[in-house]
Amino acid sequence: MSLAFGKDTPQDEGENNWVDASDHGAFHAAGVPFLYLGVDYHPDYHRPSDDFERITPSVFAGSAALAIDSFRALDRALDR
């Protein structure tokens, strides 16, 4: 697993800009800080074929662990 930053600058347009791409868009519009973690687009993204059977368990587990580790690191850094 890797954590990539981006898809959140004015130069990122259309599907390459995730700032307003989900529920967190309302927080952004209201000026509320947010953190969004997601997966990049894939052929089944938001299609009827995007079923849980297509999830690779090791990828899911790795993604969840990376998210938890990221949130913990951010939480520790808040005291600085």
Protein backbone atom coordinates (compact mmCIF):
# COMPACT_ATOMS: atom_id res chain seq x y z
CA MET A 1 0.00 0.00 0.00
CA SER A 2 1.08 3.54 -0.57
CA LEU A 3 -0.35 6.88 0.40
CA ALA A 4 -0.39 9.50 -2.34
CA PHE A 5 -1.29 13.11 -1.89
CA GLY A 6 -3.01 15.23 -4.47
CA LYS A 7 -6.18 15.58 -6.50
CA ASP A 8 -6.93 18.69 -4.47
CA THR A 9 -5.37 21.66 -6.25
CA PRO A 10 -6.98 24.16 -8.63
CA GLN A 11 -4.98 22.52 -11.44
CA ASP A 12 -6.74 19.20 -10.80
CA GLU A 13 -9.90 19.20 -12.89
CA GLY A 14 -12.78 16.81 -13.53
CA GLU A 15 -12.25 13.31 -12.17
CA ASN A 16 -8.75 14.33 -11.08
CA ASN A 17 -10.17 16.72 -8.48
CA TRP A 18 -11.59 14.95 -5.46
CA VAL A 19 -12.29 18.06 -3.35
CA ASP A 20 -16.02 17.97 -4.05
CA ALA A 21 -16.23 14.34 -5.15
CA SER A 22 -18.07 12.93 -2.15
CA ASP A 23 -19.85 13.83 1.09
CA HIS A 24 -16.87 15.88 2.27
CA GLY A 25 -17.59 18.43 -0.48
CA ALA A 26 -20.20 20.08 1.75
CA PHE A 27 -17.61 20.45 4.53
CA HIS A 28 -15.18 22.02 2.08
CA ALA A 29 -17.84 24.43 0.81
CA ALA A 30 -18.56 25.46 4.42
CA GLY A 31 -14.86 25.97 5.21
CA VAL A 32 -14.69 22.97 7.55
CA PRO A 33 -11.34 21.14 7.42
CA PHE A 34 -11.57 17.56 6.16
CA LEU A 35 -9.41 14.61 5.31
CA TYR A 36 -10.42 12.27 2.52
CA LEU A 37 -8.89 8.89 1.81
CA GLY A 38 -10.03 6.97 -1.23
CA VAL A 39 -8.98 4.67 -3.99
CA ASP A 40 -8.21 5.78 -7.49
CA TYR A 41 -10.62 5.05 -10.29
CA HIS A 42 -10.86 1.50 -11.62
CA PRO A 43 -13.06 -0.08 -14.33
CA ASP A 44 -15.80 -1.04 -11.82
CA TYR A 45 -15.83 2.27 -9.89
CA HIS A 46 -19.46 3.25 -9.13
CA ARG A 47 -20.84 0.69 -11.57
CA PRO A 48 -23.15 -2.26 -10.95
CA SER A 49 -20.10 -4.54 -11.25
CA ASP A 50 -18.46 -2.85 -8.23
CA ASP A 51 -19.38 -5.70 -5.87
CA PHE A 52 -17.71 -6.80 -2.65
CA GLU A 53 -16.75 -10.10 -4.28
CA ARG A 54 -14.22 -8.18 -6.38
CA ILE A 55 -12.37 -6.90 -3.30
CA THR A 56 -8.99 -8.47 -2.71
CA PRO A 57 -8.92 -9.12 1.07
CA SER A 58 -5.21 -8.31 1.43
CA VAL A 59 -5.67 -5.00 -0.40
CA PHE A 60 -8.64 -4.12 1.79
CA ALA A 61 -6.74 -5.00 4.97
CA GLY A 62 -3.66 -3.07 3.83
CA SER A 63 -5.74 -0.02 2.94
CA ALA A 64 -7.52 -0.07 6.30
CA ALA A 65 -4.22 -0.43 8.17
CA LEU A 66 -2.70 2.45 6.18
CA ALA A 67 -5.70 4.66 6.98
CA ILE A 68 -5.52 3.84 10.70
CA ASP A 69 -1.76 4.44 10.79
CA SER A 70 -2.22 7.75 8.95
CA PHE A 71 -4.90 8.96 11.36
CA ARG A 72 -2.77 7.98 14.35
CA ALA A 73 0.24 9.84 12.94
CA LEU A 74 -1.87 12.92 12.31
CA ASP A 75 -3.34 12.71 15.80
CA ARG A 76 0.14 12.55 17.36
CA ALA A 77 1.22 15.57 15.31
CA LEU A 78 -1.70 17.71 16.51
CA ASP A 79 0.11 18.41 19.78
CA ARG A 80 3.01 20.12 18.02
